[in-house]
Amino acid sequence: GVLEQTTVDLLDQAGVAERMRRVGLLHDGIELCFGGARHRIDLRSLTG
């Protein structure tokens, strides 16, 4: 259920992205949990 930016772009090119763009969830980061605490990796800021 996790689509890379490149996959999203390809679905746009194929003309099948309308519903995905409407109801899909865009995520800017992920969280790593260890030692009883969570640490956020800011995907958007780290990748331009």
All heavy atoms as atom14 arrays in JSON, in Angstrom:
{
  "sequence": "GVLEQTTVDLLDQAGVAERMRRVGLLHDGIELCFGGARHRIDLRSLTG",
  "atom14_mask": [
    [1, 1, 1, 1, 0, 0, 0, 0, 0, 0, 0, 0, 0, 0],
    [1, 1, 1, 1, 1, 1, 1, 0, 0, 0, 0, 0, 0, 0],
    [1, 1, 1, 1, 1, 1, 1, 1, 0, 0, 0, 0, 0, 0],
    [1, 1, 1, 1, 1, 1, 1, 1, 1, 0, 0, 0, 0, 0],
    [1, 1, 1, 1, 1, 1, 1, 1, 1, 0, 0, 0, 0, 0],
    [1, 1, 1, 1, 1, 1, 1, 0, 0, 0, 0, 0, 0, 0],
    [1, 1, 1, 1, 1, 1, 1, 0, 0, 0, 0, 0, 0, 0],
    [1, 1, 1, 1, 1, 1, 1, 0, 0, 0, 0, 0, 0, 0],
    [1, 1, 1, 1, 1, 1, 1, 1, 0, 0, 0, 0, 0, 0],
    [1, 1, 1, 1, 1, 1, 1, 1, 0, 0, 0, 0, 0, 0],
    [1, 1, 1, 1, 1, 1, 1, 1, 0, 0, 0, 0, 0, 0],
    [1, 1, 1, 1, 1, 1, 1, 1, 0, 0, 0, 0, 0, 0],
    [1, 1, 1, 1, 1, 1, 1, 1, 1, 0, 0, 0, 0, 0],
    [1, 1, 1, 1, 1, 0, 0, 0, 0, 0, 0, 0, 0, 0],
    [1, 1, 1, 1, 0, 0, 0, 0, 0, 0, 0, 0, 0, 0],
    [1, 1, 1, 1, 1, 1, 1, 0, 0, 0, 0, 0, 0, 0],
    [1, 1, 1, 1, 1, 0, 0, 0, 0, 0, 0, 0, 0, 0],
    [1, 1, 1, 1, 1, 1, 1, 1, 1, 0, 0, 0, 0, 0],
    [1, 1, 1, 1, 1, 1, 1, 1, 1, 1, 1, 0, 0, 0],
    [1, 1, 1, 1, 1, 1, 1, 1, 0, 0, 0, 0, 0, 0],
    [1, 1, 1, 1, 1, 1, 1, 1, 1, 1, 1, 0, 0, 0],
    [1, 1, 1, 1, 1, 1, 1, 1, 1, 1, 1, 0, 0, 0],
    [1, 1, 1, 1, 1, 1, 1, 0, 0, 0, 0, 0, 0, 0],
    [1, 1, 1, 1, 0, 0, 0, 0, 0, 0, 0, 0, 0, 0],
    [1, 1, 1, 1, 1, 1, 1, 1, 0, 0, 0, 0, 0, 0],
    [1, 1, 1, 1, 1, 1, 1, 1, 0, 0, 0, 0, 0, 0],
    [1, 1, 1, 1, 1, 1, 1, 1, 1, 1, 0, 0, 0, 0],
    [1, 1, 1, 1, 1, 1, 1, 1, 0, 0, 0, 0, 0, 0],
    [1, 1, 1, 1, 0, 0, 0, 0, 0, 0, 0, 0, 0, 0],
    [1, 1, 1, 1, 1, 1, 1, 1, 0, 0, 0, 0, 0, 0],
    [1, 1, 1, 1, 1, 1, 1, 1, 1, 0, 0, 0, 0, 0],
    [1, 1, 1, 1, 1, 1, 1, 1, 0, 0, 0, 0, 0, 0],
    [1, 1, 1, 1, 1, 1, 0, 0, 0, 0, 0, 0, 0, 0],
    [1, 1, 1, 1, 1, 1, 1, 1, 1, 1, 1, 0, 0, 0],
    [1, 1, 1, 1, 0, 0, 0, 0, 0, 0, 0, 0, 0, 0],
    [1, 1, 1, 1, 0, 0, 0, 0, 0, 0, 0, 0, 0, 0],
    [1, 1, 1, 1, 1, 0, 0, 0, 0, 0, 0, 0, 0, 0],
    [1, 1, 1, 1, 1, 1, 1, 1, 1, 1, 1, 0, 0, 0],
    [1, 1, 1, 1, 1, 1, 1, 1, 1, 1, 0, 0, 0, 0],
    [1, 1, 1, 1, 1, 1, 1, 1, 1, 1, 1, 0, 0, 0],
    [1, 1, 1, 1, 1, 1, 1, 1, 0, 0, 0, 0, 0, 0],
    [1, 1, 1, 1, 1, 1, 1, 1, 0, 0, 0, 0, 0, 0],
    [1, 1, 1, 1, 1, 1, 1, 1, 0, 0, 0, 0, 0, 0],
    [1, 1, 1, 1, 1, 1, 1, 1, 1, 1, 1, 0, 0, 0],
    [1, 1, 1, 1, 1, 1, 0, 0, 0, 0, 0, 0, 0, 0],
    [1, 1, 1, 1, 1, 1, 1, 1, 0, 0, 0, 0, 0, 0],
    [1, 1, 1, 1, 1, 1, 1, 0, 0, 0, 0, 0, 0, 0],
    [1, 1, 1, 1, 0, 0, 0, 0, 0, 0, 0, 0, 0, 0]
  ],
  "atom14_positions": [
    [[0.78, -1.23, 0.0], [0.0, 0.0, 0.0], [0.81, 1.27, 0.0], [0.25, 2.36, 0.1], [0.0, 0.0, 0.0], [0.0, 0.0, 0.0], [0.0, 0.0, 0.0], [0.0, 0.0, 0.0], [0.0, 0.0, 0.0], [0.0, 0.0, 0.0], [0.0, 0.0, 0.0], [0.0, 0.0, 0.0], [0.0, 0.0, 0.0], [0.0, 0.0, 0.0]],
    [[2.14, 1.2, -0.12], [3.0, 2.38, -0.11], [3.57, 2.57, -1.51], [4.32, 1.71, -2.0], [4.14, 2.26, 0.92], [5.01, 3.52, 0.89], [3.58, 2.03, 2.32], [0.0, 0.0, 0.0], [0.0, 0.0, 0.0], [0.0, 0.0, 0.0], [0.0, 0.0, 0.0], [0.0, 0.0, 0.0], [0.0, 0.0, 0.0], [0.0, 0.0, 0.0]],
    [[3.23, 3.67, -2.16], [3.68, 3.93, -3.53], [4.74, 5.02, -3.53], [4.55, 6.1, -2.95], [2.5, 4.38, -4.4], [1.3, 3.44, -4.47], [0.25, 4.0, -5.42], [1.73, 2.04, -4.91], [0.0, 0.0, 0.0], [0.0, 0.0, 0.0], [0.0, 0.0, 0.0], [0.0, 0.0, 0.0], [0.0, 0.0, 0.0], [0.0, 0.0, 0.0]],
    [[5.85, 4.75, -4.21], [6.91, 5.74, -4.37], [6.44, 6.89, -5.26], [5.51, 6.75, -6.06], [8.15, 5.1, -5.01], [8.82, 4.04, -4.18], [9.97, 3.39, -4.95], [10.17, 3.74, -6.13], [10.67, 2.55, -4.35], [0.0, 0.0, 0.0], [0.0, 0.0, 0.0], [0.0, 0.0, 0.0], [0.0, 0.0, 0.0], [0.0, 0.0, 0.0]],
    [[7.16, 7.99, -5.17], [6.87, 9.14, -6.04], [6.94, 8.72, -7.51], [6.11, 9.14, -8.33], [7.89, 10.25, -5.76], [7.65, 11.52, -6.57], [6.47, 12.31, -6.07], [6.43, 12.74, -4.94], [5.48, 12.49, -6.94], [0.0, 0.0, 0.0], [0.0, 0.0, 0.0], [0.0, 0.0, 0.0], [0.0, 0.0, 0.0], [0.0, 0.0, 0.0]],
    [[7.93, 7.9, -7.89], [8.07, 7.49, -9.28], [6.88, 6.65, -9.75], [6.46, 6.75, -10.91], [9.38, 6.7, -9.47], [9.42, 5.63, -8.52], [10.59, 7.59, -9.29], [0.0, 0.0, 0.0], [0.0, 0.0, 0.0], [0.0, 0.0, 0.0], [0.0, 0.0, 0.0], [0.0, 0.0, 0.0], [0.0, 0.0, 0.0], [0.0, 0.0, 0.0]],
    [[6.33, 5.82, -8.86], [5.16, 5.01, -9.21], [3.94, 5.9, -9.39], [3.15, 5.72, -10.34], [4.9, 3.96, -8.13], [6.05, 3.11, -7.99], [3.7, 3.1, -8.48], [0.0, 0.0, 0.0], [0.0, 0.0, 0.0], [0.0, 0.0, 0.0], [0.0, 0.0, 0.0], [0.0, 0.0, 0.0], [0.0, 0.0, 0.0], [0.0, 0.0, 0.0]],
    [[3.76, 6.87, -8.51], [2.65, 7.81, -8.63], [2.73, 8.55, -9.96], [1.73, 8.72, -10.67], [2.66, 8.79, -7.44], [1.66, 9.92, -7.66], [2.34, 8.05, -6.14], [0.0, 0.0, 0.0], [0.0, 0.0, 0.0], [0.0, 0.0, 0.0], [0.0, 0.0, 0.0], [0.0, 0.0, 0.0], [0.0, 0.0, 0.0], [0.0, 0.0, 0.0]],
    [[3.94, 8.98, -10.33], [4.11, 9.69, -11.6], [3.76, 8.79, -12.79], [3.16, 9.25, -13.77], [5.56, 10.17, -11.73], [5.92, 11.24, -10.71], [5.01, 11.84, -10.12], [7.14, 11.45, -10.49], [0.0, 0.0, 0.0], [0.0, 0.0, 0.0], [0.0, 0.0, 0.0], [0.0, 0.0, 0.0], [0.0, 0.0, 0.0], [0.0, 0.0, 0.0]],
    [[4.11, 7.51, -12.71], [3.8, 6.58, -13.8], [2.3, 6.35, -13.92], [1.76, 6.24, -15.03], [4.53, 5.25, -13.57], [4.43, 4.22, -14.69], [5.07, 4.75, -15.98], [5.08, 2.9, -14.28], [0.0, 0.0, 0.0], [0.0, 0.0, 0.0], [0.0, 0.0, 0.0], [0.0, 0.0, 0.0], [0.0, 0.0, 0.0], [0.0, 0.0, 0.0]],
    [[1.6, 6.29, -12.79], [0.15, 6.12, -12.82], [-0.53, 7.36, -13.42], [-1.53, 7.25, -14.13], [-0.38, 5.85, -11.41], [0.11, 4.54, -10.79], [-0.32, 4.44, -9.32], [-0.41, 3.33, -11.57], [0.0, 0.0, 0.0], [0.0, 0.0, 0.0], [0.0, 0.0, 0.0], [0.0, 0.0, 0.0], [0.0, 0.0, 0.0], [0.0, 0.0, 0.0]],
    [[0.03, 8.53, -13.14], [-0.45, 9.74, -13.8], [-0.31, 9.62, -15.32], [-1.24, 9.92, -16.08], [0.34, 10.96, -13.32], [-0.2, 11.53, -12.01], [-1.43, 11.47, -11.8], [0.61, 12.04, -11.21], [0.0, 0.0, 0.0], [0.0, 0.0, 0.0], [0.0, 0.0, 0.0], [0.0, 0.0, 0.0], [0.0, 0.0, 0.0], [0.0, 0.0, 0.0]],
    [[0.86, 9.18, -15.75], [1.14, 9.01, -17.18], [0.18, 8.03, -17.82], [-0.24, 8.2, -18.97], [2.58, 8.55, -17.37], [2.99, 8.3, -18.81], [4.36, 7.66, -18.92], [5.21, 7.82, -18.05], [4.58, 6.91, -19.98], [0.0, 0.0, 0.0], [0.0, 0.0, 0.0], [0.0, 0.0, 0.0], [0.0, 0.0, 0.0], [0.0, 0.0, 0.0]],
    [[-0.17, 6.97, -17.07], [-1.07, 5.95, -17.6], [-2.53, 6.39, -17.59], [-3.39, 5.7, -18.16], [-0.92, 4.66, -16.79], [0.0, 0.0, 0.0], [0.0, 0.0, 0.0], [0.0, 0.0, 0.0], [0.0, 0.0, 0.0], [0.0, 0.0, 0.0], [0.0, 0.0, 0.0], [0.0, 0.0, 0.0], [0.0, 0.0, 0.0], [0.0, 0.0, 0.0]],
    [[-2.83, 7.51, -16.95], [-4.2, 8.0, -16.91], [-5.11, 7.28, -15.94], [-6.32, 7.25, -16.12], [0.0, 0.0, 0.0], [0.0, 0.0, 0.0], [0.0, 0.0, 0.0], [0.0, 0.0, 0.0], [0.0, 0.0, 0.0], [0.0, 0.0, 0.0], [0.0, 0.0, 0.0], [0.0, 0.0, 0.0], [0.0, 0.0, 0.0], [0.0, 0.0, 0.0]],
    [[-4.53, 6.69, -14.88], [-5.33, 5.93, -13.92], [-5.16, 6.45, -12.49], [-5.42, 5.72, -11.54], [-4.96, 4.42, -13.98], [-5.37, 3.83, -15.31], [-3.47, 4.21, -13.72], [0.0, 0.0, 0.0], [0.0, 0.0, 0.0], [0.0, 0.0, 0.0], [0.0, 0.0, 0.0], [0.0, 0.0, 0.0], [0.0, 0.0, 0.0], [0.0, 0.0, 0.0]],
    [[-4.76, 7.7, -12.35], [-4.42, 8.21, -11.02], [-5.5, 9.07, -10.39], [-5.31, 9.54, -9.26], [-3.11, 9.01, -11.1], [0.0, 0.0, 0.0], [0.0, 0.0, 0.0], [0.0, 0.0, 0.0], [0.0, 0.0, 0.0], [0.0, 0.0, 0.0], [0.0, 0.0, 0.0], [0.0, 0.0, 0.0], [0.0, 0.0, 0.0], [0.0, 0.0, 0.0]],
    [[-6.62, 9.28, -11.08], [-7.6, 10.25, -10.58], [-8.13, 9.87, -9.19], [-8.12, 10.69, -8.27], [-8.76, 10.36, -11.58], [-9.76, 11.46, -11.25], [-10.81, 11.06, -10.22], [-11.16, 9.85, -10.17], [-11.26, 11.94, -9.45], [0.0, 0.0, 0.0], [0.0, 0.0, 0.0], [0.0, 0.0, 0.0], [0.0, 0.0, 0.0], [0.0, 0.0, 0.0]],
    [[-8.55, 8.61, -9.01], [-9.11, 8.23, -7.7], [-8.02, 8.18, -6.64], [-8.24, 8.57, -5.49], [-9.81, 6.87, -7.81], [-10.63, 6.52, -6.55], [-11.6, 5.4, -6.84], [-10.93, 4.12, -7.0], [-10.9, 3.16, -6.06], [-11.48, 3.38, -4.88], [-10.31, 2.02, -6.29], [0.0, 0.0, 0.0], [0.0, 0.0, 0.0], [0.0, 0.0, 0.0]],
    [[-6.84, 7.71, -7.02], [-5.72, 7.7, -6.08], [-5.41, 9.11, -5.59], [-5.19, 9.34, -4.39], [-4.48, 7.11, -6.74], [-3.22, 7.15, -5.89], [-1.74, 6.78, -6.84], [-1.67, 8.24, -7.91], [0.0, 0.0, 0.0], [0.0, 0.0, 0.0], [0.0, 0.0, 0.0], [0.0, 0.0, 0.0], [0.0, 0.0, 0.0], [0.0, 0.0, 0.0]],
    [[-5.37, 10.07, -6.51], [-5.1, 11.46, -6.13], [-6.19, 12.0, -5.22], [-5.92, 12.85, -4.36], [-5.01, 12.32, -7.39], [-3.78, 12.07, -8.25], [-2.54, 12.59, -7.58], [-1.38, 12.6, -8.47], [-0.15, 12.9, -8.06], [0.08, 13.18, -6.79], [0.85, 12.9, -8.92], [0.0, 0.0, 0.0], [0.0, 0.0, 0.0], [0.0, 0.0, 0.0]],
    [[-7.4, 11.49, -5.37], [-8.52, 12.0, -4.59], [-8.6, 11.4, -3.19], [-8.89, 12.12, -2.22], [-9.82, 11.74, -5.37], [-11.09, 12.24, -4.71], [-12.23, 12.35, -5.71], [-12.24, 11.27, -6.67], [-12.85, 10.09, -6.49], [-13.48, 9.84, -5.34], [-12.84, 9.16, -7.43], [0.0, 0.0, 0.0], [0.0, 0.0, 0.0], [0.0, 0.0, 0.0]],
    [[-8.34, 10.09, -3.06], [-8.56, 9.45, -1.76], [-7.29, 8.9, -1.13], [-7.29, 8.51, 0.04], [-9.61, 8.32, -1.87], [-10.9, 8.84, -2.44], [-9.08, 7.15, -2.71], [0.0, 0.0, 0.0], [0.0, 0.0, 0.0], [0.0, 0.0, 0.0], [0.0, 0.0, 0.0], [0.0, 0.0, 0.0], [0.0, 0.0, 0.0], [0.0, 0.0, 0.0]],
    [[-6.18, 8.83, -1.89], [-4.93, 8.34, -1.32], [-4.38, 9.29, -0.27], [-4.74, 10.47, -0.22], [0.0, 0.0, 0.0], [0.0, 0.0, 0.0], [0.0, 0.0, 0.0], [0.0, 0.0, 0.0], [0.0, 0.0, 0.0], [0.0, 0.0, 0.0], [0.0, 0.0, 0.0], [0.0, 0.0, 0.0], [0.0, 0.0, 0.0], [0.0, 0.0, 0.0]],
    [[-3.5, 8.77, 0.56], [-2.95, 9.55, 1.66], [-1.49, 9.87, 1.37], [-0.65, 8.97, 1.3], [-3.05, 8.76, 2.98], [-4.43, 8.24, 3.36], [-4.34, 7.39, 4.62], [-5.41, 9.39, 3.56], [0.0, 0.0, 0.0], [0.0, 0.0, 0.0], [0.0, 0.0, 0.0], [0.0, 0.0, 0.0], [0.0, 0.0, 0.0], [0.0, 0.0, 0.0]],
    [[-1.17, 11.14, 1.22], [0.21, 11.56, 1.02], [0.93, 11.62, 2.36], [0.41, 12.2, 3.32], [0.26, 12.93, 0.34], [0.11, 12.95, -1.18], [-0.01, 14.38, -1.67], [1.28, 12.24, -1.86], [0.0, 0.0, 0.0], [0.0, 0.0, 0.0], [0.0, 0.0, 0.0], [0.0, 0.0, 0.0], [0.0, 0.0, 0.0], [0.0, 0.0, 0.0]],
    [[2.11, 11.0, 2.42], [2.89, 11.01, 3.66], [4.23, 11.69, 3.44], [4.91, 11.45, 2.45], [3.13, 9.57, 4.14], [1.95, 8.98, 4.85], [2.04, 7.83, 5.6], [0.67, 9.38, 4.93], [0.85, 7.55, 6.12], [0.0, 8.48, 5.71], [0.0, 0.0, 0.0], [0.0, 0.0, 0.0], [0.0, 0.0, 0.0], [0.0, 0.0, 0.0]],
    [[4.58, 12.54, 4.4], [5.85, 13.28, 4.33], [6.96, 12.6, 5.12], [8.12, 13.02, 5.04], [5.67, 14.7, 4.9], [4.74, 15.54, 4.06], [4.56, 15.22, 2.87], [4.18, 16.51, 4.6], [0.0, 0.0, 0.0], [0.0, 0.0, 0.0], [0.0, 0.0, 0.0], [0.0, 0.0, 0.0], [0.0, 0.0, 0.0], [0.0, 0.0, 0.0]],
    [[6.63, 11.59, 5.93], [7.66, 10.98, 6.78], [7.25, 9.61, 7.28], [6.14, 9.13, 7.01], [0.0, 0.0, 0.0], [0.0, 0.0, 0.0], [0.0, 0.0, 0.0], [0.0, 0.0, 0.0], [0.0, 0.0, 0.0], [0.0, 0.0, 0.0], [0.0, 0.0, 0.0], [0.0, 0.0, 0.0], [0.0, 0.0, 0.0], [0.0, 0.0, 0.0]],
    [[8.18, 8.97, 7.99], [7.91, 7.71, 8.69], [8.49, 7.85, 10.1], [9.27, 8.77, 10.38], [8.54, 6.5, 7.99], [10.07, 6.66, 7.87], [7.91, 6.27, 6.63], [10.78, 5.43, 7.33], [0.0, 0.0, 0.0], [0.0, 0.0, 0.0], [0.0, 0.0, 0.0], [0.0, 0.0, 0.0], [0.0, 0.0, 0.0], [0.0, 0.0, 0.0]],
    [[8.11, 6.93, 10.98], [8.63, 6.94, 12.34], [9.34, 5.62, 12.63], [8.85, 4.54, 12.29], [7.51, 7.17, 13.34], [6.88, 8.56, 13.22], [5.89, 8.84, 14.33], [4.86, 8.13, 14.4], [6.14, 9.75, 15.13], [0.0, 0.0, 0.0], [0.0, 0.0, 0.0], [0.0, 0.0, 0.0], [0.0, 0.0, 0.0], [0.0, 0.0, 0.0]],
    [[10.51, 5.73, 13.25], [11.25, 4.56, 13.74], [11.08, 4.5, 15.24], [11.32, 5.48, 15.95], [12.73, 4.67, 13.38], [13.08, 4.77, 11.9], [14.6, 4.87, 11.72], [12.55, 3.58, 11.12], [0.0, 0.0, 0.0], [0.0, 0.0, 0.0], [0.0, 0.0, 0.0], [0.0, 0.0, 0.0], [0.0, 0.0, 0.0], [0.0, 0.0, 0.0]],
    [[10.67, 3.34, 15.74], [10.44, 3.17, 17.17], [11.47, 2.17, 17.72], [11.6, 1.06, 17.22], [9.02, 2.65, 17.41], [8.61, 2.37, 19.15], [0.0, 0.0, 0.0], [0.0, 0.0, 0.0], [0.0, 0.0, 0.0], [0.0, 0.0, 0.0], [0.0, 0.0, 0.0], [0.0, 0.0, 0.0], [0.0, 0.0, 0.0], [0.0, 0.0, 0.0]],
    [[12.22, 2.58, 18.72], [13.15, 1.68, 19.41], [13.47, 2.29, 20.77], [13.38, 3.5, 20.96], [14.43, 1.44, 18.6], [15.23, 2.68, 18.29], [16.28, 3.07, 19.11], [14.94, 3.45, 17.18], [17.03, 4.21, 18.82], [15.69, 4.6, 16.88], [16.73, 4.97, 17.71], [0.0, 0.0, 0.0], [0.0, 0.0, 0.0], [0.0, 0.0, 0.0]],
    [[13.82, 1.46, 21.72], [14.13, 1.93, 23.06], [12.97, 2.63, 23.74], [13.17, 3.5, 24.59], [0.0, 0.0, 0.0], [0.0, 0.0, 0.0], [0.0, 0.0, 0.0], [0.0, 0.0, 0.0], [0.0, 0.0, 0.0], [0.0, 0.0, 0.0], [0.0, 0.0, 0.0], [0.0, 0.0, 0.0], [0.0, 0.0, 0.0], [0.0, 0.0, 0.0]],
    [[11.74, 2.29, 23.34], [10.55, 2.87, 23.97], [10.19, 4.26, 23.48], [9.35, 4.93, 24.08], [0.0, 0.0, 0.0], [0.0, 0.0, 0.0], [0.0, 0.0, 0.0], [0.0, 0.0, 0.0], [0.0, 0.0, 0.0], [0.0, 0.0, 0.0], [0.0, 0.0, 0.0], [0.0, 0.0, 0.0], [0.0, 0.0, 0.0], [0.0, 0.0, 0.0]],
    [[10.82, 4.73, 22.39], [10.52, 6.08, 21.88], [10.48, 6.06, 20.36], [11.08, 5.2, 19.71], [11.57, 7.07, 22.36], [0.0, 0.0, 0.0], [0.0, 0.0, 0.0], [0.0, 0.0, 0.0], [0.0, 0.0, 0.0], [0.0, 0.0, 0.0], [0.0, 0.0, 0.0], [0.0, 0.0, 0.0], [0.0, 0.0, 0.0], [0.0, 0.0, 0.0]],
    [[9.77, 7.03, 19.78], [9.67, 7.16, 18.34], [10.55, 8.3, 17.84], [10.67, 9.33, 18.51], [8.23, 7.39, 17.92], [7.41, 6.12, 17.78], [6.01, 6.41, 17.29], [5.12, 6.76, 18.38], [3.95, 7.36, 18.23], [3.54, 7.7, 17.02], [3.2, 7.63, 19.27], [0.0, 0.0, 0.0], [0.0, 0.0, 0.0], [0.0, 0.0, 0.0]],
    [[11.08, 8.12, 16.64], [11.95, 9.12, 16.02], [11.48, 9.31, 14.57], [11.42, 8.33, 13.81], [13.41, 8.67, 16.04], [13.88, 8.25, 17.4], [14.56, 9.08, 18.25], [13.74, 7.06, 18.07], [14.85, 8.45, 19.36], [14.35, 7.21, 19.29], [0.0, 0.0, 0.0], [0.0, 0.0, 0.0], [0.0, 0.0, 0.0], [0.0, 0.0, 0.0]],
    [[11.19, 10.53, 14.2], [10.62, 10.77, 12.86], [11.71, 11.01, 11.83], [12.66, 11.75, 12.06], [9.68, 11.98, 12.89], [8.93, 12.21, 11.58], [7.87, 13.28, 11.74], [7.07, 13.41, 10.52], [7.35, 14.27, 9.53], [8.39, 15.1, 9.64], [6.59, 14.33, 8.46], [0.0, 0.0, 0.0], [0.0, 0.0, 0.0], [0.0, 0.0, 0.0]],
    [[11.56, 10.37, 10.68], [12.4, 10.62, 9.51], [11.57, 11.47, 8.55], [10.55, 11.02, 8.02], [12.83, 9.31, 8.83], [13.55, 8.39, 9.81], [13.71, 9.61, 7.61], [14.85, 8.94, 10.33], [0.0, 0.0, 0.0], [0.0, 0.0, 0.0], [0.0, 0.0, 0.0], [0.0, 0.0, 0.0], [0.0, 0.0, 0.0], [0.0, 0.0, 0.0]],
    [[11.99, 12.72, 8.34], [11.25, 13.66, 7.5], [11.62, 13.42, 6.04], [12.56, 14.01, 5.51], [11.56, 15.1, 7.92], [10.63, 16.11, 7.29], [10.12, 15.85, 6.18], [10.4, 17.17, 7.9], [0.0, 0.0, 0.0], [0.0, 0.0, 0.0], [0.0, 0.0, 0.0], [0.0, 0.0, 0.0], [0.0, 0.0, 0.0], [0.0, 0.0, 0.0]],
    [[10.87, 12.56, 5.39], [11.18, 12.19, 4.01], [11.18, 13.41, 3.1], [12.06, 13.56, 2.24], [10.16, 11.17, 3.51], [10.03, 9.85, 4.28], [8.88, 9.03, 3.7], [11.32, 9.05, 4.21], [0.0, 0.0, 0.0], [0.0, 0.0, 0.0], [0.0, 0.0, 0.0], [0.0, 0.0, 0.0], [0.0, 0.0, 0.0], [0.0, 0.0, 0.0]],
    [[10.2, 14.24, 3.27], [10.03, 15.36, 2.33], [11.19, 16.34, 2.39], [11.73, 16.75, 1.36], [8.71, 16.07, 2.62], [8.33, 17.1, 1.57], [6.94, 17.63, 1.81], [6.52, 18.5, 0.72], [5.32, 19.06, 0.65], [4.42, 18.82, 1.59], [5.01, 19.85, -0.36], [0.0, 0.0, 0.0], [0.0, 0.0, 0.0], [0.0, 0.0, 0.0]],
    [[11.58, 16.72, 3.6], [12.65, 17.71, 3.72], [14.01, 17.13, 3.33], [14.88, 17.84, 2.83], [12.71, 18.27, 5.14], [13.13, 17.28, 6.06], [0.0, 0.0, 0.0], [0.0, 0.0, 0.0], [0.0, 0.0, 0.0], [0.0, 0.0, 0.0], [0.0, 0.0, 0.0], [0.0, 0.0, 0.0], [0.0, 0.0, 0.0], [0.0, 0.0, 0.0]],
    [[14.18, 15.82, 3.53], [15.47, 15.19, 3.25], [15.65, 14.85, 1.77], [16.76, 14.54, 1.34], [15.62, 13.91, 4.07], [15.79, 14.1, 5.59], [15.61, 12.78, 6.32], [17.14, 14.72, 5.92], [0.0, 0.0, 0.0], [0.0, 0.0, 0.0], [0.0, 0.0, 0.0], [0.0, 0.0, 0.0], [0.0, 0.0, 0.0], [0.0, 0.0, 0.0]],
    [[14.56, 14.89, 1.0], [14.65, 14.48, -0.41], [14.23, 15.57, -1.38], [13.93, 15.29, -2.54], [13.77, 13.23, -0.66], [12.39, 13.57, -0.38], [14.2, 12.06, 0.2], [0.0, 0.0, 0.0], [0.0, 0.0, 0.0], [0.0, 0.0, 0.0], [0.0, 0.0, 0.0], [0.0, 0.0, 0.0], [0.0, 0.0, 0.0], [0.0, 0.0, 0.0]],
    [[14.2, 16.8, -0.91], [13.83, 17.89, -1.82], [12.37, 17.92, -2.18], [12.0, 18.33, -3.29], [0.0, 0.0, 0.0], [0.0, 0.0, 0.0], [0.0, 0.0, 0.0], [0.0, 0.0, 0.0], [0.0, 0.0, 0.0], [0.0, 0.0, 0.0], [0.0, 0.0, 0.0], [0.0, 0.0, 0.0], [0.0, 0.0, 0.0], [0.0, 0.0, 0.0]]
  ]
}
